[in-house]
Amino acid sequence: MNAWNYEGFWNKAKVYISYGNDVAEDNPLFPFWYFLALELLGRSVLAKVHPVLLADSKDDSILYAFERPTKKAISISINLVFQRCQSFVKGFTKNDCDKCIEWMDLRNIELHTGEPIFHNIKTSKWLADYYRICKILLEFQDKTLDDYFGINRAEAARKAIEALKENVKGEVSKAISDAKAYYEKLTPEEISERKLLLATKFNSANQDTRKMIPCPVCGSEGIIQGKILEYGDAKIIEGEPKIIRSVSVLPTKFECVFCRFSIDTYAALHTAEIGGQYTVQTEEDMSIYLENDYDEPDFYMDE
């Protein structure tokens, strides 16, 4: 009965999570692999209780769950998987179940239609809740976020989960209101001056994590920075003496020089809907590896 073996589900879920971790957070494959992994994580919960919970009752699948000879085995739908998880997993609520089913619907649209549903989905809209639900399902299996996501990603997951608990909505709402009032009073000349200030601020920001994103208050470009989660593989661009790396970042600070909206906690960033993990590209001069006794980087050619 290898198909419904608990270890099989668990190990495959971890493989799919690793596939997601290997791509940029703004890549549509990031939610694609994460949502596929969630289905396997849900099925692993039921397999841990007993594989019969995965069996469709319409045929001989129940016999397969008890390792009896049968022609074929059909498992239950993913909606029913999460509904059954409610019966066994403490803290996994109906709202959690509904959210998982909603994500599975997005997965189905991606797999079975021509609509590129994952091309415009932002991590700030779903990732924190995803981490929280995974934590609940993992604890039922005596597993941790570190076991599943790896140490660096697990740290980001814990920060995201804690941010959901913190009530900073009033504080952020006031900051947004004040910033709007300030921006509305700016003259065209003052806005032009702030464009120069933006360039100066950006150049002085951490080059490994800095990124321009639209300000949630005024829509102008603002600067977001954060903590590095991990570096991707190095790439050599053909014809260029540079090494390019993707850097996965957990945001910790945002500043807009136009409306002066500024926040520096993950909870506030999440409330302002700019708390999603993101990816930046960094450049290194290849000559530092040729002129010094550094170990050669792991890299591949970008075709």
C-alpha atoms as a PDB file:
ATOM      1  CA  MET A   1       0.000   0.000   0.000  1.00  0.00           C
ATOM      2  CA  ASN A   2       2.786   2.388  -0.898  1.00  0.00           C
ATOM      3  CA  ALA A   3       0.473   4.920  -2.550  1.00  0.00           C
ATOM      4  CA  TRP A   4      -1.191   5.857   0.770  1.00  0.00           C
ATOM      5  CA  ASN A   5       1.817   5.366   2.994  1.00  0.00           C
ATOM      6  CA  TYR A   6       2.271   8.144   5.550  1.00  0.00           C
ATOM      7  CA  GLU A   7       6.004   8.549   4.970  1.00  0.00           C
ATOM      8  CA  GLY A   8       5.378   8.743   1.247  1.00  0.00           C
ATOM      9  CA  PHE A   9       2.989  11.691   1.640  1.00  0.00           C
ATOM     10  CA  TRP A  10       5.264  13.425   4.145  1.00  0.00           C
ATOM     11  CA  ASN A  11       8.433  13.098   2.087  1.00  0.00           C
ATOM     12  CA  LYS A  12       6.726  14.130  -1.138  1.00  0.00           C
ATOM     13  CA  ALA A  13       5.232  17.194   0.549  1.00  0.00           C
ATOM     14  CA  LYS A  14       8.716  18.227   1.669  1.00  0.00           C
ATOM     15  CA  VAL A  15      10.045  17.758  -1.866  1.00  0.00           C
ATOM     16  CA  TYR A  16       7.328  20.021  -3.262  1.00  0.00           C
ATOM     17  CA  ILE A  17       8.046  22.661  -0.611  1.00  0.00           C
ATOM     18  CA  SER A  18      11.717  22.557  -1.601  1.00  0.00           C
ATOM     19  CA  TYR A  19      10.715  23.113  -5.231  1.00  0.00           C
ATOM     20  CA  GLY A  20       8.790  26.209  -4.131  1.00  0.00           C
ATOM     21  CA  ASN A  21      11.721  27.445  -2.063  1.00  0.00           C
ATOM     22  CA  ASP A  22      13.965  27.220  -5.115  1.00  0.00           C
ATOM     23  CA  VAL A  23      12.028  29.873  -7.055  1.00  0.00           C
ATOM     24  CA  ALA A  24      11.460  33.560  -6.421  1.00  0.00           C
ATOM     25  CA  GLU A  25       8.454  34.521  -4.316  1.00  0.00           C
ATOM     26  CA  ASP A  26       7.033  36.572  -7.197  1.00  0.00           C
ATOM     27  CA  ASN A  27       7.356  33.598  -9.545  1.00  0.00           C
ATOM     28  CA  PRO A  28       3.978  31.887 -10.205  1.00  0.00           C
ATOM     29  CA  LEU A  29       5.658  28.564  -9.457  1.00  0.00           C
ATOM     30  CA  PHE A  30       6.086  29.622  -5.819  1.00  0.00           C
ATOM     31  CA  PRO A  31       2.368  29.361  -4.899  1.00  0.00           C
ATOM     32  CA  PHE A  32       1.976  26.490  -7.368  1.00  0.00           C
ATOM     33  CA  TRP A  33       4.416  24.225  -5.504  1.00  0.00           C
ATOM     34  CA  TYR A  34       3.332  25.446  -2.070  1.00  0.00           C
ATOM     35  CA  PHE A  35      -0.322  24.647  -2.760  1.00  0.00           C
ATOM     36  CA  LEU A  36       0.527  21.243  -4.207  1.00  0.00           C
ATOM     37  CA  ALA A  37       2.546  20.557  -1.055  1.00  0.00           C
ATOM     38  CA  LEU A  38      -0.415  21.565   1.127  1.00  0.00           C
ATOM     39  CA  GLU A  39      -2.591  18.880  -0.441  1.00  0.00           C
ATOM     40  CA  LEU A  40       0.030  16.255   0.370  1.00  0.00           C
ATOM     41  CA  LEU A  41       0.386  17.611   3.894  1.00  0.00           C
ATOM     42  CA  GLY A  42      -3.374  17.292   4.395  1.00  0.00           C
ATOM     43  CA  ARG A  43      -3.366  13.743   3.069  1.00  0.00           C
ATOM     44  CA  SER A  44      -0.428  12.870   5.325  1.00  0.00           C
ATOM     45  CA  VAL A  45      -2.558  13.861   8.327  1.00  0.00           C
ATOM     46  CA  LEU A  46      -5.241  11.338   7.400  1.00  0.00           C
ATOM     47  CA  ALA A  47      -2.700   8.661   6.495  1.00  0.00           C
ATOM     48  CA  LYS A  48      -1.132   9.059   9.930  1.00  0.00           C
ATOM     49  CA  VAL A  49      -4.496   8.356  11.606  1.00  0.00           C
ATOM     50  CA  HIS A  50      -5.282   5.515   9.191  1.00  0.00           C
ATOM     51  CA  PRO A  51      -5.115   5.221   5.381  1.00  0.00           C
ATOM     52  CA  VAL A  52      -8.764   4.152   5.270  1.00  0.00           C
ATOM     53  CA  LEU A  53      -9.635   7.831   5.754  1.00  0.00           C
ATOM     54  CA  LEU A  54      -8.280   8.426   2.258  1.00  0.00           C
ATOM     55  CA  ALA A  55     -10.396   5.741   0.620  1.00  0.00           C
ATOM     56  CA  ASP A  56     -13.334   6.509  -1.612  1.00  0.00           C
ATOM     57  CA  SER A  57     -16.195   4.375  -0.307  1.00  0.00           C
ATOM     58  CA  LYS A  58     -17.764   3.786  -3.734  1.00  0.00           C
ATOM     59  CA  ASP A  59     -15.556   0.854  -4.713  1.00  0.00           C
ATOM     60  CA  ASP A  60     -12.932  -1.468  -3.265  1.00  0.00           C
ATOM     61  CA  SER A  61     -10.617   1.331  -2.163  1.00  0.00           C
ATOM     62  CA  ILE A  62     -11.352   0.585   1.471  1.00  0.00           C
ATOM     63  CA  LEU A  63      -9.897  -2.891   0.953  1.00  0.00           C
ATOM     64  CA  TYR A  64      -6.718  -1.302  -0.387  1.00  0.00           C
ATOM     65  CA  ALA A  65      -6.456   0.753   2.795  1.00  0.00           C
ATOM     66  CA  PHE A  66      -6.337  -2.519   4.730  1.00  0.00           C
ATOM     67  CA  GLU A  67      -3.799  -3.985   2.313  1.00  0.00           C
ATOM     68  CA  ARG A  68      -6.290  -6.406   0.762  1.00  0.00           C
ATOM     69  CA  PRO A  69      -6.096  -7.315  -2.943  1.00  0.00           C
ATOM     70  CA  THR A  70      -8.079  -4.964  -5.144  1.00  0.00           C
ATOM     71  CA  LYS A  71      -8.082  -3.915  -8.791  1.00  0.00           C
ATOM     72  CA  LYS A  72      -7.682  -0.201  -8.124  1.00  0.00           C
ATOM     73  CA  ALA A  73      -7.742   2.347  -5.335  1.00  0.00           C
ATOM     74  CA  ILE A  74      -9.441   5.718  -5.604  1.00  0.00           C
ATOM     75  CA  SER A  75      -8.748   8.367  -2.972  1.00  0.00           C
ATOM     76  CA  ILE A  76     -11.173  11.009  -1.747  1.00  0.00           C
ATOM     77  CA  SER A  77     -11.312  14.547  -3.119  1.00  0.00           C
ATOM     78  CA  ILE A  78      -9.064  17.197  -1.630  1.00  0.00           C
ATOM     79  CA  ASN A  79     -12.111  19.074  -0.309  1.00  0.00           C
ATOM     80  CA  LEU A  80     -13.088  16.014   1.691  1.00  0.00           C
ATOM     81  CA  VAL A  81      -9.490  15.621   2.887  1.00  0.00           C
ATOM     82  CA  PHE A  82      -9.555  19.002   4.616  1.00  0.00           C
ATOM     83  CA  GLN A  83     -13.086  18.446   5.885  1.00  0.00           C
ATOM     84  CA  ARG A  84     -11.940  15.208   7.540  1.00  0.00           C
ATOM     85  CA  CYS A  85      -8.895  16.968   8.989  1.00  0.00           C
ATOM     86  CA  GLN A  86     -11.327  19.044  11.043  1.00  0.00           C
ATOM     87  CA  SER A  87     -12.407  15.888  12.877  1.00  0.00           C
ATOM     88  CA  PHE A  88      -8.882  14.974  13.966  1.00  0.00           C
ATOM     89  CA  VAL A  89      -6.676  18.055  14.097  1.00  0.00           C
ATOM     90  CA  LYS A  90      -7.076  20.294  17.120  1.00  0.00           C
ATOM     91  CA  GLY A  91      -7.216  23.944  16.142  1.00  0.00           C
ATOM     92  CA  PHE A  92      -7.957  23.269  12.483  1.00  0.00           C
ATOM     93  CA  THR A  93     -11.225  25.179  12.162  1.00  0.00           C
ATOM     94  CA  LYS A  94     -13.912  25.354   9.513  1.00  0.00           C
ATOM     95  CA  ASN A  95     -12.472  28.701   8.437  1.00  0.00           C
ATOM     96  CA  ASP A  96      -9.091  27.029   7.980  1.00  0.00           C
ATOM     97  CA  CYS A  97     -10.731  24.259   5.994  1.00  0.00           C
ATOM     98  CA  ASP A  98     -12.527  26.772   3.774  1.00  0.00           C
ATOM     99  CA  LYS A  99      -9.295  28.670   3.175  1.00  0.00           C
ATOM    100  CA  CYS A 100      -7.490  25.494   2.140  1.00  0.00           C
ATOM    101  CA  ILE A 101     -10.301  24.600  -0.238  1.00  0.00           C
ATOM    102  CA  GLU A 102     -10.127  28.118  -1.696  1.00  0.00           C
ATOM    103  CA  TRP A 103      -6.411  27.620  -2.374  1.00  0.00           C
ATOM    104  CA  MET A 104      -7.094  24.229  -3.938  1.00  0.00           C
ATOM    105  CA  ASP A 105      -9.616  25.908  -6.236  1.00  0.00           C
ATOM    106  CA  LEU A 106      -6.851  28.253  -7.402  1.00  0.00           C
ATOM    107  CA  ARG A 107      -4.623  25.244  -7.991  1.00  0.00           C
ATOM    108  CA  ASN A 108      -7.369  23.612 -10.092  1.00  0.00           C
ATOM    109  CA  ILE A 109      -7.757  26.757 -12.183  1.00  0.00           C
ATOM    110  CA  GLU A 110      -4.004  26.758 -12.817  1.00  0.00           C
ATOM    111  CA  LEU A 111      -3.900  23.088 -13.756  1.00  0.00           C
ATOM    112  CA  HIS A 112      -7.130  22.699 -15.690  1.00  0.00           C
ATOM    113  CA  THR A 113      -7.745  26.005 -17.472  1.00  0.00           C
ATOM    114  CA  GLY A 114      -5.853  28.444 -19.647  1.00  0.00           C
ATOM    115  CA  GLU A 115      -6.015  31.172 -16.978  1.00  0.00           C
ATOM    116  CA  PRO A 116      -2.614  31.982 -15.394  1.00  0.00           C
ATOM    117  CA  ILE A 117      -4.146  32.397 -11.950  1.00  0.00           C
ATOM    118  CA  PHE A 118      -0.834  32.451 -10.069  1.00  0.00           C
ATOM    119  CA  HIS A 119       0.735  35.257 -12.095  1.00  0.00           C
ATOM    120  CA  ASN A 120      -0.874  38.026 -10.042  1.00  0.00           C
ATOM    121  CA  ILE A 121      -1.211  36.466  -6.595  1.00  0.00           C
ATOM    122  CA  LYS A 122       0.827  38.319  -3.951  1.00  0.00           C
ATOM    123  CA  THR A 123       2.399  36.534  -0.995  1.00  0.00           C
ATOM    124  CA  SER A 124       1.076  39.289   1.293  1.00  0.00           C
ATOM    125  CA  LYS A 125      -2.440  37.992   0.561  1.00  0.00           C
ATOM    126  CA  TRP A 126      -1.971  34.338   1.542  1.00  0.00           C
ATOM    127  CA  LEU A 127       1.452  33.297   2.833  1.00  0.00           C
ATOM    128  CA  ALA A 128       1.038  34.186   6.524  1.00  0.00           C
ATOM    129  CA  ASP A 129      -2.189  32.183   6.788  1.00  0.00           C
ATOM    130  CA  TYR A 130      -0.549  29.360   4.838  1.00  0.00           C
ATOM    131  CA  TYR A 131       2.261  29.184   7.389  1.00  0.00           C
ATOM    132  CA  ARG A 132      -0.234  29.243  10.270  1.00  0.00           C
ATOM    133  CA  ILE A 133      -2.314  26.400   8.843  1.00  0.00           C
ATOM    134  CA  CYS A 134       0.780  24.340   8.046  1.00  0.00           C
ATOM    135  CA  LYS A 135       1.921  24.750  11.650  1.00  0.00           C
ATOM    136  CA  ILE A 136      -1.384  23.325  12.878  1.00  0.00           C
ATOM    137  CA  LEU A 137      -1.206  20.343  10.511  1.00  0.00           C
ATOM    138  CA  LEU A 138       2.467  19.767  11.321  1.00  0.00           C
ATOM    139  CA  GLU A 139       1.977  19.751  15.083  1.00  0.00           C
ATOM    140  CA  PHE A 140      -0.634  17.016  14.714  1.00  0.00           C
ATOM    141  CA  GLN A 141       2.077  14.913  13.052  1.00  0.00           C
ATOM    142  CA  ASP A 142       4.662  15.777  15.746  1.00  0.00           C
ATOM    143  CA  LYS A 143       6.564  17.820  13.163  1.00  0.00           C
ATOM    144  CA  THR A 144       7.847  21.403  13.273  1.00  0.00           C
ATOM    145  CA  LEU A 145       8.092  24.288  10.852  1.00  0.00           C
ATOM    146  CA  ASP A 146      11.848  23.644  10.743  1.00  0.00           C
ATOM    147  CA  ASP A 147      11.238  20.023   9.720  1.00  0.00           C
ATOM    148  CA  TYR A 148       9.066  21.135   6.846  1.00  0.00           C
ATOM    149  CA  PHE A 149      10.350  24.475   5.558  1.00  0.00           C
ATOM    150  CA  GLY A 150      13.980  24.421   6.682  1.00  0.00           C
ATOM    151  CA  ILE A 151      15.504  26.670   9.348  1.00  0.00           C
ATOM    152  CA  ASN A 152      15.563  29.977   7.447  1.00  0.00           C
ATOM    153  CA  ARG A 153      12.082  29.677   5.997  1.00  0.00           C
ATOM    154  CA  ALA A 154      10.731  28.456   9.324  1.00  0.00           C
ATOM    155  CA  GLU A 155      11.973  31.646  10.996  1.00  0.00           C
ATOM    156  CA  ALA A 156      10.071  33.685   8.430  1.00  0.00           C
ATOM    157  CA  ALA A 157       7.004  31.508   9.021  1.00  0.00           C
ATOM    158  CA  ARG A 158       7.106  32.131  12.780  1.00  0.00           C
ATOM    159  CA  LYS A 159       7.365  35.899  12.274  1.00  0.00           C
ATOM    160  CA  ALA A 160       4.429  35.823   9.871  1.00  0.00           C
ATOM    161  CA  ILE A 161       2.320  33.773  12.295  1.00  0.00           C
ATOM    162  CA  GLU A 162       3.115  36.132  15.176  1.00  0.00           C
ATOM    163  CA  ALA A 163       2.178  39.099  12.998  1.00  0.00           C
ATOM    164  CA  LEU A 164      -1.305  37.631  12.566  1.00  0.00           C
ATOM    165  CA  LYS A 165      -1.735  37.709  16.353  1.00  0.00           C
ATOM    166  CA  GLU A 166      -0.629  41.316  16.823  1.00  0.00           C
ATOM    167  CA  ASN A 167      -3.387  43.903  16.638  1.00  0.00           C
ATOM    168  CA  VAL A 168      -1.762  46.943  15.052  1.00  0.00           C
ATOM    169  CA  LYS A 169      -4.635  47.808  12.743  1.00  0.00           C
ATOM    170  CA  GLY A 170      -5.442  51.060  14.567  1.00  0.00           C
ATOM    171  CA  GLU A 171      -1.818  52.180  14.606  1.00  0.00           C
ATOM    172  CA  VAL A 172      -1.359  51.461  10.902  1.00  0.00           C
ATOM    173  CA  SER A 173      -4.679  53.094   9.978  1.00  0.00           C
ATOM    174  CA  LYS A 174      -3.628  56.306  11.724  1.00  0.00           C
ATOM    175  CA  ALA A 175      -0.231  56.262  10.022  1.00  0.00           C
ATOM    176  CA  ILE A 176      -1.939  55.832   6.640  1.00  0.00           C
ATOM    177  CA  SER A 177      -4.408  58.624   7.359  1.00  0.00           C
ATOM    178  CA  ASP A 178      -1.636  61.020   8.415  1.00  0.00           C
ATOM    179  CA  ALA A 179       0.446  60.128   5.357  1.00  0.00           C
ATOM    180  CA  LYS A 180      -2.494  60.737   3.003  1.00  0.00           C
ATOM    181  CA  ALA A 181      -3.155  64.149   4.527  1.00  0.00           C
ATOM    182  CA  TYR A 182       0.519  65.078   4.190  1.00  0.00           C
ATOM    183  CA  TYR A 183       0.766  63.912   0.574  1.00  0.00           C
ATOM    184  CA  GLU A 184      -2.322  65.829  -0.523  1.00  0.00           C
ATOM    185  CA  LYS A 185      -0.638  69.100   0.549  1.00  0.00           C
ATOM    186  CA  LEU A 186       2.543  68.567  -1.484  1.00  0.00           C
ATOM    187  CA  THR A 187       3.205  70.909  -4.397  1.00  0.00           C
ATOM    188  CA  PRO A 188       4.525  69.641  -7.751  1.00  0.00           C
ATOM    189  CA  GLU A 189       7.885  71.222  -6.900  1.00  0.00           C
ATOM    190  CA  GLU A 190       8.062  69.356  -3.592  1.00  0.00           C
ATOM    191  CA  ILE A 191       7.218  66.079  -5.318  1.00  0.00           C
ATOM    192  CA  SER A 192      10.067  66.665  -7.808  1.00  0.00           C
ATOM    193  CA  GLU A 193      12.472  67.287  -4.928  1.00  0.00           C
ATOM    194  CA  ARG A 194      11.426  64.062  -3.285  1.00  0.00           C
ATOM    195  CA  LYS A 195      12.215  62.101  -6.454  1.00  0.00           C
ATOM    196  CA  LEU A 196      15.857  63.124  -5.990  1.00  0.00           C
ATOM    197  CA  LEU A 197      15.677  62.209  -2.313  1.00  0.00           C
ATOM    198  CA  LEU A 198      14.264  58.786  -3.246  1.00  0.00           C
ATOM    199  CA  ALA A 199      17.299  58.026  -5.402  1.00  0.00           C
ATOM    200  CA  THR A 200      19.645  59.028  -2.578  1.00  0.00           C
ATOM    201  CA  LYS A 201      17.740  56.948  -0.019  1.00  0.00           C
ATOM    202  CA  PHE A 202      17.656  53.924  -2.296  1.00  0.00           C
ATOM    203  CA  ASN A 203      21.399  54.079  -2.973  1.00  0.00           C
ATOM    204  CA  SER A 204      22.116  54.148   0.770  1.00  0.00           C
ATOM    205  CA  ALA A 205      19.785  51.212   1.535  1.00  0.00           C
ATOM    206  CA  ASN A 206      21.017  47.630   1.936  1.00  0.00           C
ATOM    207  CA  GLN A 207      21.814  46.601  -1.629  1.00  0.00           C
ATOM    208  CA  ASP A 208      21.148  42.915  -0.901  1.00  0.00           C
ATOM    209  CA  THR A 209      17.537  43.488   0.224  1.00  0.00           C
ATOM    210  CA  ARG A 210      16.396  46.872  -1.124  1.00  0.00           C
ATOM    211  CA  LYS A 211      13.542  47.017  -3.589  1.00  0.00           C
ATOM    212  CA  MET A 212      11.148  49.620  -4.962  1.00  0.00           C
ATOM    213  CA  ILE A 213       7.460  48.865  -4.513  1.00  0.00           C
ATOM    214  CA  PRO A 214       4.314  51.027  -4.800  1.00  0.00           C
ATOM    215  CA  CYS A 215       3.486  52.837  -1.579  1.00  0.00           C
ATOM    216  CA  PRO A 216       0.162  51.542  -0.182  1.00  0.00           C
ATOM    217  CA  VAL A 217      -0.780  55.126   0.713  1.00  0.00           C
ATOM    218  CA  CYS A 218       0.102  57.377  -2.227  1.00  0.00           C
ATOM    219  CA  GLY A 219       1.097  54.934  -4.959  1.00  0.00           C
ATOM    220  CA  SER A 220       4.541  56.471  -5.395  1.00  0.00           C
ATOM    221  CA  GLU A 221       7.649  54.313  -5.331  1.00  0.00           C
ATOM    222  CA  GLY A 222       8.789  53.447  -1.842  1.00  0.00           C
ATOM    223  CA  ILE A 223      11.710  51.474  -0.470  1.00  0.00           C
ATOM    224  CA  ILE A 224      11.275  48.136   1.225  1.00  0.00           C
ATOM    225  CA  GLN A 225      14.127  46.317   2.970  1.00  0.00           C
ATOM    226  CA  GLY A 226      14.396  43.230   5.105  1.00  0.00           C
ATOM    227  CA  LYS A 227      16.238  40.224   6.399  1.00  0.00           C
ATOM    228  CA  ILE A 228      17.872  37.765   4.024  1.00  0.00           C
ATOM    229  CA  LEU A 229      16.324  34.308   4.190  1.00  0.00           C
ATOM    230  CA  GLU A 230      18.630  32.632   1.699  1.00  0.00           C
ATOM    231  CA  TYR A 231      20.707  33.159  -1.411  1.00  0.00           C
ATOM    232  CA  GLY A 232      19.873  31.378  -4.628  1.00  0.00           C
ATOM    233  CA  ASP A 233      22.371  29.786  -6.994  1.00  0.00           C
ATOM    234  CA  ALA A 234      24.827  32.086  -8.726  1.00  0.00           C
ATOM    235  CA  LYS A 235      24.429  32.632 -12.461  1.00  0.00           C
ATOM    236  CA  ILE A 236      26.965  33.891 -14.966  1.00  0.00           C
ATOM    237  CA  ILE A 237      25.364  35.990 -17.678  1.00  0.00           C
ATOM    238  CA  GLU A 238      27.066  35.209 -20.961  1.00  0.00           C
ATOM    239  CA  GLY A 239      29.193  38.121 -22.140  1.00  0.00           C
ATOM    240  CA  GLU A 240      29.064  39.898 -18.758  1.00  0.00           C
ATOM    241  CA  PRO A 241      31.857  39.769 -16.112  1.00  0.00           C
ATOM    242  CA  LYS A 242      29.299  39.546 -13.338  1.00  0.00           C
ATOM    243  CA  ILE A 243      27.671  36.944 -11.148  1.00  0.00           C
ATOM    244  CA  ILE A 244      23.937  37.296 -10.482  1.00  0.00           C
ATOM    245  CA  ARG A 245      22.215  35.852  -7.419  1.00  0.00           C
ATOM    246  CA  SER A 246      18.566  35.761  -6.365  1.00  0.00           C
ATOM    247  CA  VAL A 247      18.037  36.701  -2.730  1.00  0.00           C
ATOM    248  CA  SER A 248      14.894  35.704  -0.832  1.00  0.00           C
ATOM    249  CA  VAL A 249      13.942  38.420   1.673  1.00  0.00           C
ATOM    250  CA  LEU A 250      11.585  38.744   4.638  1.00  0.00           C
ATOM    251  CA  PRO A 251      10.523  42.431   4.751  1.00  0.00           C
ATOM    252  CA  THR A 252      11.162  44.359   7.957  1.00  0.00           C
ATOM    253  CA  LYS A 253      10.995  48.020   6.956  1.00  0.00           C
ATOM    254  CA  PHE A 254       9.233  50.283   4.441  1.00  0.00           C
ATOM    255  CA  GLU A 255       9.638  53.990   3.782  1.00  0.00           C
ATOM    256  CA  CYS A 256       8.016  56.376   1.329  1.00  0.00           C
ATOM    257  CA  VAL A 257       9.805  59.727   0.968  1.00  0.00           C
ATOM    258  CA  PHE A 258       6.778  61.263  -0.739  1.00  0.00           C
ATOM    259  CA  CYS A 259       4.007  60.842   1.848  1.00  0.00           C
ATOM    260  CA  ARG A 260       6.377  59.939   4.720  1.00  0.00           C
ATOM    261  CA  PHE A 261       4.585  56.679   5.408  1.00  0.00           C
ATOM    262  CA  SER A 262       7.118  54.588   7.323  1.00  0.00           C
ATOM    263  CA  ILE A 263       6.735  51.294   9.230  1.00  0.00           C
ATOM    264  CA  ASP A 264       9.332  48.971  10.684  1.00  0.00           C
ATOM    265  CA  THR A 265       7.607  45.923  12.172  1.00  0.00           C
ATOM    266  CA  TYR A 266       6.477  42.824  10.362  1.00  0.00           C
ATOM    267  CA  ALA A 267       3.020  43.039  11.936  1.00  0.00           C
ATOM    268  CA  ALA A 268       2.562  46.562  10.560  1.00  0.00           C
ATOM    269  CA  LEU A 269       3.869  45.540   7.143  1.00  0.00           C
ATOM    270  CA  HIS A 270       1.432  42.634   7.060  1.00  0.00           C
ATOM    271  CA  THR A 271      -1.478  44.875   8.083  1.00  0.00           C
ATOM    272  CA  ALA A 272      -0.555  47.328   5.329  1.00  0.00           C
ATOM    273  CA  GLU A 273      -0.524  44.365   2.902  1.00  0.00           C
ATOM    274  CA  ILE A 274       3.140  44.762   1.989  1.00  0.00           C
ATOM    275  CA  GLY A 275       4.470  42.047   4.304  1.00  0.00           C
ATOM    276  CA  GLY A 276       4.885  39.336   1.692  1.00  0.00           C
ATOM    277  CA  GLN A 277       8.282  37.744   1.125  1.00  0.00           C
ATOM    278  CA  TYR A 278      10.022  38.972  -2.007  1.00  0.00           C
ATOM    279  CA  THR A 279      13.086  38.358  -4.164  1.00  0.00           C
ATOM    280  CA  VAL A 280      15.797  40.718  -5.342  1.00  0.00           C
ATOM    281  CA  GLN A 281      18.713  40.230  -7.729  1.00  0.00           C
ATOM    282  CA  THR A 282      22.250  41.052  -6.572  1.00  0.00           C
ATOM    283  CA  GLU A 283      25.362  41.446  -8.698  1.00  0.00           C
ATOM    284  CA  GLU A 284      28.938  40.471  -7.845  1.00  0.00           C
ATOM    285  CA  ASP A 285      32.035  41.242  -9.872  1.00  0.00           C
ATOM    286  CA  MET A 286      33.423  37.941 -11.079  1.00  0.00           C
ATOM    287  CA  SER A 287      36.976  39.276 -10.812  1.00  0.00           C
ATOM    288  CA  ILE A 288      36.946  38.907  -7.013  1.00  0.00           C
ATOM    289  CA  TYR A 289      36.917  35.151  -7.503  1.00  0.00           C
ATOM    290  CA  LEU A 290      39.726  35.308 -10.058  1.00  0.00           C
ATOM    291  CA  GLU A 291      42.077  37.682  -8.219  1.00  0.00           C
ATOM    292  CA  ASN A 292      41.708  36.254  -4.713  1.00  0.00           C
ATOM    293  CA  ASP A 293      41.954  32.850  -3.118  1.00  0.00           C
ATOM    294  CA  TYR A 294      38.218  32.485  -2.674  1.00  0.00           C
ATOM    295  CA  ASP A 295      36.400  29.235  -3.210  1.00  0.00           C
ATOM    296  CA  GLU A 296      34.694  29.112  -6.550  1.00  0.00           C
ATOM    297  CA  PRO A 297      30.964  29.871  -6.288  1.00  0.00           C
ATOM    298  CA  ASP A 298      28.347  27.354  -7.302  1.00  0.00           C
ATOM    299  CA  PHE A 299      26.971  28.838 -10.502  1.00  0.00           C
ATOM    300  CA  TYR A 300      25.431  27.978 -13.839  1.00  0.00           C
ATOM    301  CA  MET A 301      25.255  29.699 -17.184  1.00  0.00           C
ATOM    302  CA  ASP A 302      22.128  31.704 -17.967  1.00  0.00           C
ATOM    303  CA  GLU A 303      21.100  30.768 -21.486  1.00  0.00           C
END
